Structure formats: structure tokens, C-alpha cells
Amino acid sequence: MHPKKKMIMVKHVILWTLSPNLSEEEKKAVKAGIKEGLEGLVGKVPGLIDAKVNIDGRLVSSNADVMLDSTLESEAALKAYATHPEHVAVADSKVRPYTVQRSCLDFEI
């Protein structure tokens, strides 16, 4: 018997801080737009297995407003995701205009 080959996937985790110039109502709408846009990429971007955007339940101890927790098939899939037109469209319209800080952690699982 051949040993089962372990599939290596990639986690892509992003934390964003929203612009302090946004009102609480605007922040709520922006968070919903980010969630809908990024989670909607599953099935549209090859290699993107899962995407979950956390926008609720933030504790006061937090120093970020939004978290993306996504899983991709490989490092190559992550590189392709970064430049995929559907992803770029969401990032340019729903994320970048409203955020002032971004932290990223990519790792193999």
C-alpha cells in the first residue's frame, strides 16, 4: 500500500481596519459589502475553496474591524486569486476605498 499523500492547502487570513472617517452606519454597510463580495468569490475564482468574513461580535479588545479567513488549494492558487479580475473588482470597489490598514497571514495547512 502506498501512504496517502497529504494535501497541502493554504490559509489566507486578512485583518482590516476601517477608515475612522466612516460613521457607524457607514461601517455597518461597508462590512456587509465586504462580506458579500469576498464570500461571493467562492465558485468564481478557481482554487478558492472557502471564504468567511467575520464582521460581527467584535470585542473592545480588538484592533481590527473585519477578518477574512479563506482557504485555497495551493500557493499557486493564492497567487492567481490575488490578480483574478473578480477578486480585484471586489477589492477595488468594496474594500480598499474604506480601509486604512491591512494585515495578512498566509500559511500552509
PDB file of N, CA and C in Angstrom:
ATOM      1  N   MET A   1       0.833  -1.189   0.000  1.00  0.00           N
ATOM      2  CA  MET A   1       0.000   0.000   0.000  1.00  0.00           C
ATOM      3  C   MET A   1       0.874   1.248   0.000  1.00  0.00           C
ATOM      4  N   HIS A   2       0.429   2.213  -0.769  1.00  0.00           N
ATOM      5  CA  HIS A   2       1.138   3.492  -0.794  1.00  0.00           C
ATOM      6  C   HIS A   2       0.589   4.384   0.309  1.00  0.00           C
ATOM      7  N   PRO A   3       1.487   5.089   0.994  1.00  0.00           N
ATOM      8  CA  PRO A   3       0.978   6.027   2.006  1.00  0.00           C
ATOM      9  C   PRO A   3       0.160   7.120   1.328  1.00  0.00           C
ATOM     10  N   LYS A   4      -0.882   7.527   1.991  1.00  0.00           N
ATOM     11  CA  LYS A   4      -1.747   8.563   1.434  1.00  0.00           C
ATOM     12  C   LYS A   4      -0.999   9.899   1.439  1.00  0.00           C
ATOM     13  N   LYS A   5      -0.958  10.540   0.285  1.00  0.00           N
ATOM     14  CA  LYS A   5      -0.266  11.817   0.180  1.00  0.00           C
ATOM     15  C   LYS A   5      -1.123  12.903   0.839  1.00  0.00           C
ATOM     16  N   LYS A   6      -0.499  13.647   1.735  1.00  0.00           N
ATOM     17  CA  LYS A   6      -1.213  14.716   2.422  1.00  0.00           C
ATOM     18  C   LYS A   6      -1.354  15.909   1.480  1.00  0.00           C
ATOM     19  N   MET A   7      -2.570  16.384   1.348  1.00  0.00           N
ATOM     20  CA  MET A   7      -2.814  17.548   0.505  1.00  0.00           C
ATOM     21  C   MET A   7      -2.477  18.813   1.283  1.00  0.00           C
ATOM     22  N   ILE A   8      -1.610  19.632   0.743  1.00  0.00           N
ATOM     23  CA  ILE A   8      -1.246  20.884   1.388  1.00  0.00           C
ATOM     24  C   ILE A   8      -2.102  21.992   0.792  1.00  0.00           C
ATOM     25  N   MET A   9      -2.829  22.659   1.657  1.00  0.00           N
ATOM     26  CA  MET A   9      -3.637  23.801   1.241  1.00  0.00           C
ATOM     27  C   MET A   9      -3.042  25.049   1.879  1.00  0.00           C
ATOM     28  N   VAL A  10      -3.605  26.184   1.534  1.00  0.00           N
ATOM     29  CA  VAL A  10      -3.113  27.457   2.037  1.00  0.00           C
ATOM     30  C   VAL A  10      -4.250  28.224   2.697  1.00  0.00           C
ATOM     31  N   LYS A  11      -3.966  28.766   3.889  1.00  0.00           N
ATOM     32  CA  LYS A  11      -4.895  29.685   4.553  1.00  0.00           C
ATOM     33  C   LYS A  11      -4.434  31.096   4.226  1.00  0.00           C
ATOM     34  N   HIS A  12      -5.378  31.944   3.929  1.00  0.00           N
ATOM     35  CA  HIS A  12      -5.126  33.357   3.607  1.00  0.00           C
ATOM     36  C   HIS A  12      -6.018  34.149   4.565  1.00  0.00           C
ATOM     37  N   VAL A  13      -5.391  34.765   5.561  1.00  0.00           N
ATOM     38  CA  VAL A  13      -6.136  35.484   6.598  1.00  0.00           C
ATOM     39  C   VAL A  13      -5.763  36.962   6.524  1.00  0.00           C
ATOM     40  N   ILE A  14      -6.780  37.808   6.447  1.00  0.00           N
ATOM     41  CA  ILE A  14      -6.576  39.248   6.358  1.00  0.00           C
ATOM     42  C   ILE A  14      -7.352  39.927   7.482  1.00  0.00           C
ATOM     43  N   LEU A  15      -6.734  40.920   8.093  1.00  0.00           N
ATOM     44  CA  LEU A  15      -7.412  41.789   9.062  1.00  0.00           C
ATOM     45  C   LEU A  15      -7.379  43.202   8.501  1.00  0.00           C
ATOM     46  N   TRP A  16      -8.526  43.868   8.501  1.00  0.00           N
ATOM     47  CA  TRP A  16      -8.607  45.252   8.040  1.00  0.00           C
ATOM     48  C   TRP A  16      -9.108  46.156   9.154  1.00  0.00           C
ATOM     49  N   THR A  17      -8.623  47.377   9.128  1.00  0.00           N
ATOM     50  CA  THR A  17      -9.152  48.438   9.971  1.00  0.00           C
ATOM     51  C   THR A  17      -9.855  49.416   9.038  1.00  0.00           C
ATOM     52  N   LEU A  18     -11.103  49.715   9.354  1.00  0.00           N
ATOM     53  CA  LEU A  18     -11.878  50.641   8.526  1.00  0.00           C
ATOM     54  C   LEU A  18     -11.470  52.081   8.810  1.00  0.00           C
ATOM     55  N   SER A  19     -11.737  52.939   7.856  1.00  0.00           N
ATOM     56  CA  SER A  19     -11.430  54.362   7.995  1.00  0.00           C
ATOM     57  C   SER A  19     -12.194  54.959   9.175  1.00  0.00           C
ATOM     58  N   PRO A  20     -11.508  55.746  10.011  1.00  0.00           N
ATOM     59  CA  PRO A  20     -12.194  56.392  11.136  1.00  0.00           C
ATOM     60  C   PRO A  20     -13.158  57.488  10.676  1.00  0.00           C
ATOM     61  N   ASN A  21     -13.076  57.856   9.393  1.00  0.00           N
ATOM     62  CA  ASN A  21     -13.973  58.879   8.852  1.00  0.00           C
ATOM     63  C   ASN A  21     -15.371  58.351   8.567  1.00  0.00           C
ATOM     64  N   LEU A  22     -15.554  57.034   8.646  1.00  0.00           N
ATOM     65  CA  LEU A  22     -16.868  56.437   8.384  1.00  0.00           C
ATOM     66  C   LEU A  22     -17.724  56.503   9.636  1.00  0.00           C
ATOM     67  N   SER A  23     -19.006  56.804   9.455  1.00  0.00           N
ATOM     68  CA  SER A  23     -19.948  56.765  10.577  1.00  0.00           C
ATOM     69  C   SER A  23     -20.216  55.304  10.930  1.00  0.00           C
ATOM     70  N   GLU A  24     -20.841  55.061  12.069  1.00  0.00           N
ATOM     71  CA  GLU A  24     -21.163  53.688  12.469  1.00  0.00           C
ATOM     72  C   GLU A  24     -22.079  53.033  11.438  1.00  0.00           C
ATOM     73  N   GLU A  25     -23.039  53.785  10.904  1.00  0.00           N
ATOM     74  CA  GLU A  25     -23.938  53.242   9.874  1.00  0.00           C
ATOM     75  C   GLU A  25     -23.170  52.887   8.608  1.00  0.00           C
ATOM     76  N   GLU A  26     -22.246  53.769   8.214  1.00  0.00           N
ATOM     77  CA  GLU A  26     -21.430  53.502   7.027  1.00  0.00           C
ATOM     78  C   GLU A  26     -20.557  52.268   7.248  1.00  0.00           C
ATOM     79  N   LYS A  27     -19.961  52.147   8.442  1.00  0.00           N
ATOM     80  CA  LYS A  27     -19.131  50.978   8.748  1.00  0.00           C
ATOM     81  C   LYS A  27     -19.940  49.694   8.638  1.00  0.00           C
ATOM     82  N   LYS A  28     -21.163  49.725   9.133  1.00  0.00           N
ATOM     83  CA  LYS A  28     -22.027  48.539   9.067  1.00  0.00           C
ATOM     84  C   LYS A  28     -22.281  48.150   7.606  1.00  0.00           C
ATOM     85  N   ALA A  29     -22.581  49.137   6.777  1.00  0.00           N
ATOM     86  CA  ALA A  29     -22.841  48.882   5.354  1.00  0.00           C
ATOM     87  C   ALA A  29     -21.584  48.396   4.632  1.00  0.00           C
ATOM     88  N   VAL A  30     -20.439  49.000   4.943  1.00  0.00           N
ATOM     89  CA  VAL A  30     -19.175  48.604   4.320  1.00  0.00           C
ATOM     90  C   VAL A  30     -18.836  47.168   4.698  1.00  0.00           C
ATOM     91  N   LYS A  31     -18.975  46.823   5.984  1.00  0.00           N
ATOM     92  CA  LYS A  31     -18.690  45.458   6.434  1.00  0.00           C
ATOM     93  C   LYS A  31     -19.571  44.451   5.700  1.00  0.00           C
ATOM     94  N   ALA A  32     -20.853  44.765   5.559  1.00  0.00           N
ATOM     95  CA  ALA A  32     -21.775  43.862   4.846  1.00  0.00           C
ATOM     96  C   ALA A  32     -21.355  43.710   3.387  1.00  0.00           C
ATOM     97  N   GLY A  33     -20.914  44.797   2.768  1.00  0.00           N
ATOM     98  CA  GLY A  33     -20.466  44.747   1.377  1.00  0.00           C
ATOM     99  C   GLY A  33     -19.206  43.915   1.206  1.00  0.00           C
ATOM    100  N   ILE A  34     -18.271  44.048   2.152  1.00  0.00           N
ATOM    101  CA  ILE A  34     -17.041  43.263   2.108  1.00  0.00           C
ATOM    102  C   ILE A  34     -17.374  41.779   2.247  1.00  0.00           C
ATOM    103  N   LYS A  35     -18.235  41.464   3.215  1.00  0.00           N
ATOM    104  CA  LYS A  35     -18.633  40.070   3.455  1.00  0.00           C
ATOM    105  C   LYS A  35     -19.279  39.473   2.206  1.00  0.00           C
ATOM    106  N   GLU A  36     -20.274  40.166   1.670  1.00  0.00           N
ATOM    107  CA  GLU A  36     -20.983  39.672   0.491  1.00  0.00           C
ATOM    108  C   GLU A  36     -20.035  39.519  -0.704  1.00  0.00           C
ATOM    109  N   GLY A  37     -19.182  40.512  -0.904  1.00  0.00           N
ATOM    110  CA  GLY A  37     -18.282  40.492  -2.053  1.00  0.00           C
ATOM    111  C   GLY A  37     -17.257  39.378  -1.986  1.00  0.00           C
ATOM    112  N   LEU A  38     -16.562  39.255  -0.850  1.00  0.00           N
ATOM    113  CA  LEU A  38     -15.499  38.255  -0.751  1.00  0.00           C
ATOM    114  C   LEU A  38     -16.040  36.836  -0.638  1.00  0.00           C
ATOM    115  N   GLU A  39     -17.089  36.637   0.146  1.00  0.00           N
ATOM    116  CA  GLU A  39     -17.661  35.289   0.249  1.00  0.00           C
ATOM    117  C   GLU A  39     -18.269  34.856  -1.072  1.00  0.00           C
ATOM    118  N   GLY A  40     -18.715  35.818  -1.861  1.00  0.00           N
ATOM    119  CA  GLY A  40     -19.295  35.532  -3.172  1.00  0.00           C
ATOM    120  C   GLY A  40     -18.284  35.081  -4.214  1.00  0.00           C
ATOM    121  N   LEU A  41     -16.997  35.166  -3.894  1.00  0.00           N
ATOM    122  CA  LEU A  41     -15.962  34.746  -4.847  1.00  0.00           C
ATOM    123  C   LEU A  41     -15.789  33.230  -4.902  1.00  0.00           C
ATOM    124  N   VAL A  42     -16.272  32.527  -3.869  1.00  0.00           N
ATOM    125  CA  VAL A  42     -16.181  31.059  -3.863  1.00  0.00           C
ATOM    126  C   VAL A  42     -17.031  30.540  -5.026  1.00  0.00           C
ATOM    127  N   GLY A  43     -16.419  29.720  -5.856  1.00  0.00           N
ATOM    128  CA  GLY A  43     -17.110  29.214  -7.041  1.00  0.00           C
ATOM    129  C   GLY A  43     -16.848  30.050  -8.279  1.00  0.00           C
ATOM    130  N   LYS A  44     -16.316  31.265  -8.084  1.00  0.00           N
ATOM    131  CA  LYS A  44     -15.980  32.129  -9.223  1.00  0.00           C
ATOM    132  C   LYS A  44     -14.481  32.174  -9.475  1.00  0.00           C
ATOM    133  N   VAL A  45     -13.708  32.061  -8.395  1.00  0.00           N
ATOM    134  CA  VAL A  45     -12.247  32.117  -8.512  1.00  0.00           C
ATOM    135  C   VAL A  45     -11.696  30.696  -8.363  1.00  0.00           C
ATOM    136  N   PRO A  46     -11.064  30.170  -9.399  1.00  0.00           N
ATOM    137  CA  PRO A  46     -10.516  28.810  -9.323  1.00  0.00           C
ATOM    138  C   PRO A  46      -9.520  28.679  -8.162  1.00  0.00           C
ATOM    139  N   GLY A  47      -9.636  27.575  -7.428  1.00  0.00           N
ATOM    140  CA  GLY A  47      -8.709  27.314  -6.342  1.00  0.00           C
ATOM    141  C   GLY A  47      -9.120  27.871  -5.001  1.00  0.00           C
ATOM    142  N   LEU A  48     -10.133  28.751  -4.982  1.00  0.00           N
ATOM    143  CA  LEU A  48     -10.634  29.302  -3.726  1.00  0.00           C
ATOM    144  C   LEU A  48     -11.668  28.323  -3.170  1.00  0.00           C
ATOM    145  N   ILE A  49     -11.291  27.632  -2.101  1.00  0.00           N
ATOM    146  CA  ILE A  49     -12.142  26.590  -1.537  1.00  0.00           C
ATOM    147  C   ILE A  49     -13.209  27.162  -0.616  1.00  0.00           C
ATOM    148  N   ASP A  50     -12.799  28.137   0.214  1.00  0.00           N
ATOM    149  CA  ASP A  50     -13.717  28.677   1.217  1.00  0.00           C
ATOM    150  C   ASP A  50     -13.304  30.103   1.556  1.00  0.00           C
ATOM    151  N   ALA A  51     -14.287  30.938   1.873  1.00  0.00           N
ATOM    152  CA  ALA A  51     -14.018  32.308   2.327  1.00  0.00           C
ATOM    153  C   ALA A  51     -15.089  32.689   3.341  1.00  0.00           C
ATOM    154  N   LYS A  52     -14.629  33.050   4.519  1.00  0.00           N
ATOM    155  CA  LYS A  52     -15.547  33.503   5.569  1.00  0.00           C
ATOM    156  C   LYS A  52     -15.068  34.872   6.030  1.00  0.00           C
ATOM    157  N   VAL A  53     -15.992  35.826   6.075  1.00  0.00           N
ATOM    158  CA  VAL A  53     -15.667  37.175   6.528  1.00  0.00           C
ATOM    159  C   VAL A  53     -16.398  37.418   7.835  1.00  0.00           C
ATOM    160  N   ASN A  54     -15.632  37.703   8.879  1.00  0.00           N
ATOM    161  CA  ASN A  54     -16.209  37.952  10.197  1.00  0.00           C
ATOM    162  C   ASN A  54     -16.417  39.455  10.364  1.00  0.00           C
ATOM    163  N   ILE A  55     -17.676  39.861  10.553  1.00  0.00           N
ATOM    164  CA  ILE A  55     -17.991  41.282  10.727  1.00  0.00           C
ATOM    165  C   ILE A  55     -18.767  41.552  12.019  1.00  0.00           C
ATOM    166  N   ASP A  56     -19.149  40.492  12.732  1.00  0.00           N
ATOM    167  CA  ASP A  56     -19.973  40.652  13.932  1.00  0.00           C
ATOM    168  C   ASP A  56     -19.258  40.134  15.175  1.00  0.00           C
ATOM    169  N   GLY A  57     -19.704  40.584  16.338  1.00  0.00           N
ATOM    170  CA  GLY A  57     -19.218  40.048  17.604  1.00  0.00           C
ATOM    171  C   GLY A  57     -17.867  40.589  18.029  1.00  0.00           C
ATOM    172  N   ARG A  58     -17.432  41.677  17.422  1.00  0.00           N
ATOM    173  CA  ARG A  58     -16.121  42.254  17.724  1.00  0.00           C
ATOM    174  C   ARG A  58     -16.073  42.731  19.175  1.00  0.00           C
ATOM    175  N   LEU A  59     -15.060  42.291  19.897  1.00  0.00           N
ATOM    176  CA  LEU A  59     -14.874  42.715  21.286  1.00  0.00           C
ATOM    177  C   LEU A  59     -14.047  43.996  21.326  1.00  0.00           C
ATOM    178  N   VAL A  60     -14.189  44.757  22.418  1.00  0.00           N
ATOM    179  CA  VAL A  60     -13.468  46.027  22.551  1.00  0.00           C
ATOM    180  C   VAL A  60     -11.952  45.852  22.539  1.00  0.00           C
ATOM    181  N   SER A  61     -11.473  44.673  22.883  1.00  0.00           N
ATOM    182  CA  SER A  61     -10.036  44.406  22.891  1.00  0.00           C
ATOM    183  C   SER A  61      -9.455  44.291  21.481  1.00  0.00           C
ATOM    184  N   SER A  62     -10.306  44.268  20.461  1.00  0.00           N
ATOM    185  CA  SER A  62      -9.859  44.133  19.068  1.00  0.00           C
ATOM    186  C   SER A  62      -9.231  45.428  18.559  1.00  0.00           C
ATOM    187  N   ASN A  63      -8.266  45.281  17.653  1.00  0.00           N
ATOM    188  CA  ASN A  63      -7.723  46.473  16.994  1.00  0.00           C
ATOM    189  C   ASN A  63      -7.865  46.369  15.477  1.00  0.00           C
ATOM    190  N   ALA A  64      -8.791  45.526  15.033  1.00  0.00           N
ATOM    191  CA  ALA A  64      -9.163  45.422  13.619  1.00  0.00           C
ATOM    192  C   ALA A  64     -10.683  45.331  13.559  1.00  0.00           C
ATOM    193  N   ASP A  65     -11.243  45.638  12.395  1.00  0.00           N
ATOM    194  CA  ASP A  65     -12.701  45.675  12.247  1.00  0.00           C
ATOM    195  C   ASP A  65     -13.292  44.497  11.486  1.00  0.00           C
ATOM    196  N   VAL A  66     -12.530  43.949  10.541  1.00  0.00           N
ATOM    197  CA  VAL A  66     -13.034  42.903   9.642  1.00  0.00           C
ATOM    198  C   VAL A  66     -11.942  41.847   9.465  1.00  0.00           C
ATOM    199  N   MET A  67     -12.365  40.571   9.406  1.00  0.00           N
ATOM    200  CA  MET A  67     -11.407  39.498   9.170  1.00  0.00           C
ATOM    201  C   MET A  67     -11.889  38.603   8.024  1.00  0.00           C
ATOM    202  N   LEU A  68     -10.986  38.334   7.100  1.00  0.00           N
ATOM    203  CA  LEU A  68     -11.213  37.335   6.056  1.00  0.00           C
ATOM    204  C   LEU A  68     -10.419  36.096   6.436  1.00  0.00           C
ATOM    205  N   ASP A  69     -11.082  34.958   6.462  1.00  0.00           N
ATOM    206  CA  ASP A  69     -10.428  33.667   6.700  1.00  0.00           C
ATOM    207  C   ASP A  69     -10.759  32.807   5.492  1.00  0.00           C
ATOM    208  N   SER A  70      -9.776  32.618   4.615  1.00  0.00           N
ATOM    209  CA  SER A  70     -10.048  31.875   3.388  1.00  0.00           C
ATOM    210  C   SER A  70      -9.073  30.714   3.226  1.00  0.00           C
ATOM    211  N   THR A  71      -9.509  29.722   2.468  1.00  0.00           N
ATOM    212  CA  THR A  71      -8.711  28.530   2.199  1.00  0.00           C
ATOM    213  C   THR A  71      -8.590  28.367   0.688  1.00  0.00           C
ATOM    214  N   LEU A  72      -7.358  28.156   0.246  1.00  0.00           N
ATOM    215  CA  LEU A  72      -7.097  27.959  -1.178  1.00  0.00           C
ATOM    216  C   LEU A  72      -6.382  26.634  -1.389  1.00  0.00           C
ATOM    217  N   GLU A  73      -6.469  26.122  -2.594  1.00  0.00           N
ATOM    218  CA  GLU A  73      -5.910  24.811  -2.923  1.00  0.00           C
ATOM    219  C   GLU A  73      -4.393  24.757  -2.804  1.00  0.00           C
ATOM    220  N   SER A  74      -3.713  25.879  -3.069  1.00  0.00           N
ATOM    221  CA  SER A  74      -2.252  25.869  -3.108  1.00  0.00           C
ATOM    222  C   SER A  74      -1.717  27.292  -3.089  1.00  0.00           C
ATOM    223  N   GLU A  75      -0.400  27.399  -2.968  1.00  0.00           N
ATOM    224  CA  GLU A  75       0.223  28.718  -3.047  1.00  0.00           C
ATOM    225  C   GLU A  75       0.025  29.317  -4.438  1.00  0.00           C
ATOM    226  N   ALA A  76       0.062  28.474  -5.455  1.00  0.00           N
ATOM    227  CA  ALA A  76      -0.178  28.945  -6.828  1.00  0.00           C
ATOM    228  C   ALA A  76      -1.599  29.492  -6.966  1.00  0.00           C
ATOM    229  N   ALA A  77      -2.562  28.827  -6.325  1.00  0.00           N
ATOM    230  CA  ALA A  77      -3.953  29.309  -6.357  1.00  0.00           C
ATOM    231  C   ALA A  77      -4.076  30.656  -5.651  1.00  0.00           C
ATOM    232  N   LEU A  78      -3.314  30.841  -4.570  1.00  0.00           N
ATOM    233  CA  LEU A  78      -3.322  32.127  -3.856  1.00  0.00           C
ATOM    234  C   LEU A  78      -2.786  33.237  -4.751  1.00  0.00           C
ATOM    235  N   LYS A  79      -1.695  32.951  -5.463  1.00  0.00           N
ATOM    236  CA  LYS A  79      -1.122  33.956  -6.370  1.00  0.00           C
ATOM    237  C   LYS A  79      -2.113  34.307  -7.474  1.00  0.00           C
ATOM    238  N   ALA A  80      -2.809  33.311  -8.003  1.00  0.00           N
ATOM    239  CA  ALA A  80      -3.786  33.552  -9.067  1.00  0.00           C
ATOM    240  C   ALA A  80      -4.996  34.327  -8.524  1.00  0.00           C
ATOM    241  N   TYR A  81      -5.407  34.017  -7.299  1.00  0.00           N
ATOM    242  CA  TYR A  81      -6.521  34.718  -6.636  1.00  0.00           C
ATOM    243  C   TYR A  81      -6.220  36.206  -6.522  1.00  0.00           C
ATOM    244  N   ALA A  82      -4.983  36.536  -6.166  1.00  0.00           N
ATOM    245  CA  ALA A  82      -4.602  37.932  -5.947  1.00  0.00           C
ATOM    246  C   ALA A  82      -4.845  38.807  -7.175  1.00  0.00           C
ATOM    247  N   THR A  83      -4.694  38.229  -8.364  1.00  0.00           N
ATOM    248  CA  THR A  83      -4.846  39.027  -9.585  1.00  0.00           C
ATOM    249  C   THR A  83      -6.104  38.670 -10.387  1.00  0.00           C
ATOM    250  N   HIS A  84      -6.911  37.761  -9.871  1.00  0.00           N
ATOM    251  CA  HIS A  84      -8.127  37.364 -10.593  1.00  0.00           C
ATOM    252  C   HIS A  84      -9.065  38.575 -10.708  1.00  0.00           C
ATOM    253  N   PRO A  85      -9.595  38.841 -11.893  1.00  0.00           N
ATOM    254  CA  PRO A  85     -10.440  40.024 -12.110  1.00  0.00           C
ATOM    255  C   PRO A  85     -11.623  40.141 -11.147  1.00  0.00           C
ATOM    256  N   GLU A  86     -12.276  39.036 -10.808  1.00  0.00           N
ATOM    257  CA  GLU A  86     -13.423  39.093  -9.874  1.00  0.00           C
ATOM    258  C   GLU A  86     -12.955  39.551  -8.491  1.00  0.00           C
ATOM    259  N   HIS A  87     -11.803  39.036  -8.033  1.00  0.00           N
ATOM    260  CA  HIS A  87     -11.257  39.429  -6.732  1.00  0.00           C
ATOM    261  C   HIS A  87     -10.825  40.898  -6.751  1.00  0.00           C
ATOM    262  N   VAL A  88     -10.123  41.296  -7.796  1.00  0.00           N
ATOM    263  CA  VAL A  88      -9.657  42.683  -7.917  1.00  0.00           C
ATOM    264  C   VAL A  88     -10.851  43.645  -7.919  1.00  0.00           C
ATOM    265  N   ALA A  89     -11.924  43.278  -8.596  1.00  0.00           N
ATOM    266  CA  ALA A  89     -13.118  44.129  -8.644  1.00  0.00           C
ATOM    267  C   ALA A  89     -13.714  44.328  -7.245  1.00  0.00           C
ATOM    268  N   VAL A  90     -13.800  43.248  -6.466  1.00  0.00           N
ATOM    269  CA  VAL A  90     -14.326  43.349  -5.093  1.00  0.00           C
ATOM    270  C   VAL A  90     -13.385  44.191  -4.237  1.00  0.00           C
ATOM    271  N   ALA A  91     -12.095  43.912  -4.320  1.00  0.00           N
ATOM    272  CA  ALA A  91     -11.105  44.651  -3.520  1.00  0.00           C
ATOM    273  C   ALA A  91     -11.145  46.143  -3.844  1.00  0.00           C
ATOM    274  N   ASP A  92     -11.219  46.475  -5.127  1.00  0.00           N
ATOM    275  CA  ASP A  92     -11.187  47.875  -5.550  1.00  0.00           C
ATOM    276  C   ASP A  92     -12.479  48.628  -5.248  1.00  0.00           C
ATOM    277  N   SER A  93     -13.604  47.932  -5.210  1.00  0.00           N
ATOM    278  CA  SER A  93     -14.881  48.618  -5.009  1.00  0.00           C
ATOM    279  C   SER A  93     -15.412  48.532  -3.574  1.00  0.00           C
ATOM    280  N   LYS A  94     -15.137  47.420  -2.877  1.00  0.00           N
ATOM    281  CA  LYS A  94     -15.753  47.211  -1.571  1.00  0.00           C
ATOM    282  C   LYS A  94     -14.781  47.255  -0.396  1.00  0.00           C
ATOM    283  N   VAL A  95     -13.476  47.120  -0.654  1.00  0.00           N
ATOM    284  CA  VAL A  95     -12.510  47.034   0.446  1.00  0.00           C
ATOM    285  C   VAL A  95     -11.577  48.242   0.485  1.00  0.00           C
ATOM    286  N   ARG A  96     -10.750  48.388  -0.515  1.00  0.00           N
ATOM    287  CA  ARG A  96      -9.688  49.401  -0.484  1.00  0.00           C
ATOM    288  C   ARG A  96     -10.163  50.829  -0.225  1.00  0.00           C
ATOM    289  N   PRO A  97     -11.294  51.262  -0.789  1.00  0.00           N
ATOM    290  CA  PRO A  97     -11.700  52.655  -0.548  1.00  0.00           C
ATOM    291  C   PRO A  97     -12.070  52.947   0.921  1.00  0.00           C
ATOM    292  N   TYR A  98     -12.334  51.914   1.709  1.00  0.00           N
ATOM    293  CA  TYR A  98     -12.869  52.110   3.051  1.00  0.00           C
ATOM    294  C   TYR A  98     -11.932  51.661   4.170  1.00  0.00           C
ATOM    295  N   THR A  99     -10.766  51.128   3.810  1.00  0.00           N
ATOM    296  CA  THR A  99      -9.855  50.608   4.832  1.00  0.00           C
ATOM    297  C   THR A  99      -8.585  51.448   4.904  1.00  0.00           C
ATOM    298  N   VAL A 100      -8.012  51.510   6.115  1.00  0.00           N
ATOM    299  CA  VAL A 100      -6.790  52.294   6.303  1.00  0.00           C
ATOM    300  C   VAL A 100      -5.603  51.407   6.697  1.00  0.00           C
ATOM    301  N   GLN A 101      -5.885  50.173   7.086  1.00  0.00           N
ATOM    302  CA  GLN A 101      -4.809  49.265   7.464  1.00  0.00           C
ATOM    303  C   GLN A 101      -5.194  47.840   7.104  1.00  0.00           C
ATOM    304  N   ARG A 102      -4.180  47.077   6.664  1.00  0.00           N
ATOM    305  CA  ARG A 102      -4.381  45.684   6.264  1.00  0.00           C
ATOM    306  C   ARG A 102      -3.219  44.856   6.790  1.00  0.00           C
ATOM    307  N   SER A 103      -3.536  43.751   7.437  1.00  0.00           N
ATOM    308  CA  SER A 103      -2.518  42.794   7.848  1.00  0.00           C
ATOM    309  C   SER A 103      -2.872  41.457   7.212  1.00  0.00           C
ATOM    310  N   CYS A 104      -1.857  40.722   6.790  1.00  0.00           N
ATOM    311  CA  CYS A 104      -2.077  39.457   6.094  1.00  0.00           C
ATOM    312  C   CYS A 104      -1.210  38.372   6.697  1.00  0.00           C
ATOM    313  N   LEU A 105      -1.785  37.172   6.827  1.00  0.00           N
ATOM    314  CA  LEU A 105      -1.015  35.998   7.210  1.00  0.00           C
ATOM    315  C   LEU A 105      -1.425  34.864   6.279  1.00  0.00           C
ATOM    316  N   ASP A 106      -0.459  34.372   5.506  1.00  0.00           N
ATOM    317  CA  ASP A 106      -0.674  33.235   4.615  1.00  0.00           C
ATOM    318  C   ASP A 106       0.165  32.084   5.144  1.00  0.00           C
ATOM    319  N   PHE A 107      -0.429  30.889   5.231  1.00  0.00           N
ATOM    320  CA  PHE A 107       0.328  29.744   5.736  1.00  0.00           C
ATOM    321  C   PHE A 107      -0.248  28.447   5.185  1.00  0.00           C
ATOM    322  N   GLU A 108       0.594  27.419   5.162  1.00  0.00           N
ATOM    323  CA  GLU A 108       0.175  26.106   4.684  1.00  0.00           C
ATOM    324  C   GLU A 108      -0.519  25.335   5.785  1.00  0.00           C
ATOM    325  N   ILE A 109      -1.519  24.554   5.403  1.00  0.00           N
ATOM    326  CA  ILE A 109      -2.209  23.678   6.356  1.00  0.00           C
ATOM    327  C   ILE A 109      -2.205  22.264   5.809  1.00  0.00           C
TER     328      ILE A 109
END
